[in-house]
Amino acid sequence: QVQLLESGGGLVHAGASLILSCSASGRTFCGYPVTWYRRAPGKEREFVAVSKKSGQTYYTNSVKGRFTISRNAAQETVYLEMTSLNNEETAMYCCNMEKNWGPGTQVTVTS
């Protein structure tokens, strides 16, 4: 059974950058879509970005041009590169593949 684990979150100031990682064990991400979601305090879970089986990527409008989702060559890790972070993006970030979820990594952005 695949296991997912996110890492890379932390406390940063507005305008900073972070790279989040989602690592798989049991099998690779090859051939499967991988999606990043986030849940901010007091808000519902929100779609952030997806890396599709075809290699196409899609993003929620608020992060277009600032966030990039990618996979490493071995397809053992999926990344979410985030730039120009603002305080509205403080949230728990989780990755998903084939109904499997990681526990999440916290991102906190201070003004």
Protein backbone atom coordinates (compact mmCIF):
# COMPACT_ATOMS: atom_id res chain seq x y z
CA GLN A 1 0.00 0.00 0.00
CA VAL A 2 1.34 3.41 -0.95
CA GLN A 3 2.32 5.76 1.87
CA LEU A 4 2.67 9.52 1.38
CA LEU A 5 4.63 11.95 3.53
CA GLU A 6 4.82 15.72 3.07
CA SER A 7 7.67 17.91 4.23
CA GLY A 8 9.13 21.39 3.74
CA GLY A 9 6.63 23.55 5.57
CA GLY A 10 7.63 26.18 8.06
CA LEU A 11 7.31 29.74 9.32
CA VAL A 12 8.21 32.44 6.78
CA HIS A 13 7.64 36.15 6.19
CA ALA A 14 5.43 37.49 3.43
CA GLY A 15 7.25 37.48 0.11
CA ALA A 16 9.35 34.43 0.93
CA SER A 17 9.54 31.12 -0.94
CA LEU A 18 9.18 27.50 0.12
CA ILE A 19 9.44 24.14 -1.60
CA LEU A 20 7.13 21.44 -0.31
CA SER A 21 7.77 17.76 -0.99
CA CYS A 22 5.47 14.76 -1.12
CA SER A 23 7.36 11.46 -1.04
CA ALA A 24 5.89 8.07 -1.85
CA SER A 25 6.83 4.64 -0.56
CA GLY A 26 5.43 1.32 -1.72
CA ARG A 27 5.29 2.51 -5.33
CA THR A 28 6.10 5.59 -7.38
CA PHE A 29 3.82 8.31 -8.69
CA CYS A 30 4.37 7.13 -12.28
CA GLY A 31 1.11 7.00 -14.21
CA TYR A 32 -1.00 8.63 -11.50
CA PRO A 33 -2.23 12.17 -10.96
CA VAL A 34 -0.99 13.90 -7.82
CA THR A 35 -2.85 16.80 -6.26
CA TRP A 36 -1.91 19.39 -3.64
CA TYR A 37 -4.65 20.76 -1.39
CA ARG A 38 -4.57 23.21 1.49
CA ARG A 39 -6.83 23.97 4.44
CA ALA A 40 -6.54 27.40 6.03
CA PRO A 41 -7.81 28.20 9.53
CA GLY A 42 -11.60 28.52 9.52
CA LYS A 43 -11.90 27.59 5.84
CA GLU A 44 -12.73 24.53 3.77
CA ARG A 45 -10.09 22.48 2.01
CA GLU A 46 -9.01 24.11 -1.25
CA PHE A 47 -7.52 22.69 -4.42
CA VAL A 48 -4.09 24.16 -5.15
CA ALA A 49 -2.41 22.26 -8.00
CA VAL A 50 -2.47 18.96 -9.86
CA SER A 51 0.08 17.04 -11.90
CA LYS A 52 -1.88 14.84 -14.28
CA LYS A 53 -0.99 11.47 -15.79
CA SER A 54 -0.38 13.17 -19.14
CA GLY A 55 2.13 15.56 -17.57
CA GLN A 56 -0.23 18.53 -17.79
CA THR A 57 -0.52 20.74 -14.75
CA TYR A 58 -3.34 22.96 -13.47
CA TYR A 59 -3.49 25.53 -10.70
CA THR A 60 -6.07 27.47 -8.78
CA ASN A 61 -6.21 31.04 -10.10
CA SER A 62 -4.78 32.65 -6.99
CA VAL A 63 -1.42 30.83 -7.32
CA LYS A 64 -0.90 30.88 -11.09
CA GLY A 65 2.51 32.26 -11.96
CA ARG A 66 3.78 31.83 -8.40
CA PHE A 67 3.47 28.09 -7.65
CA THR A 68 4.90 25.19 -9.66
CA ILE A 69 4.12 21.49 -9.26
CA SER A 70 6.72 19.02 -10.54
CA ARG A 71 8.00 15.44 -10.22
CA ASN A 72 11.53 14.15 -9.83
CA ALA A 73 12.99 11.85 -12.48
CA ALA A 74 12.35 8.67 -10.50
CA GLN A 75 8.78 9.81 -9.73
CA GLU A 76 9.29 9.13 -6.04
CA THR A 77 8.73 12.74 -5.03
CA VAL A 78 6.34 15.50 -6.10
CA TYR A 79 7.21 19.10 -5.31
CA LEU A 80 5.24 22.27 -4.86
CA GLU A 81 7.47 25.31 -5.35
CA MET A 82 5.88 28.41 -3.87
CA THR A 83 7.05 32.00 -4.33
CA SER A 84 5.84 35.41 -3.17
CA LEU A 85 3.89 33.89 -0.32
CA ASN A 86 1.28 36.02 1.43
CA ASN A 87 -0.52 35.61 4.73
CA GLU A 88 -3.69 34.33 3.03
CA GLU A 89 -1.72 31.19 2.18
CA THR A 90 -1.16 30.10 5.76
CA ALA A 91 -2.57 26.57 5.76
CA MET A 92 -1.97 22.88 6.20
CA TYR A 93 -0.81 21.55 2.83
CA CYS A 94 -1.55 17.92 1.92
CA CYS A 95 -0.90 15.75 -1.13
CA ASN A 96 -3.16 13.07 -2.57
CA MET A 97 -2.77 10.16 -4.96
CA GLU A 98 -5.39 7.49 -5.69
CA LYS A 99 -7.40 8.35 -2.55
CA ASN A 100 -4.28 8.16 -0.39
CA TRP A 101 -3.42 11.19 1.74
CA GLY A 102 -0.31 12.27 3.53
CA PRO A 103 -0.56 13.78 7.02
CA GLY A 104 0.24 17.28 5.76
CA THR A 105 2.86 19.95 6.38
CA GLN A 106 2.09 23.32 7.96
CA VAL A 107 2.92 26.58 6.18
CA THR A 108 2.65 29.78 8.21
CA VAL A 109 3.21 33.18 6.58
CA THR A 110 3.60 36.28 8.75
CA SER A 111 3.10 39.86 7.59
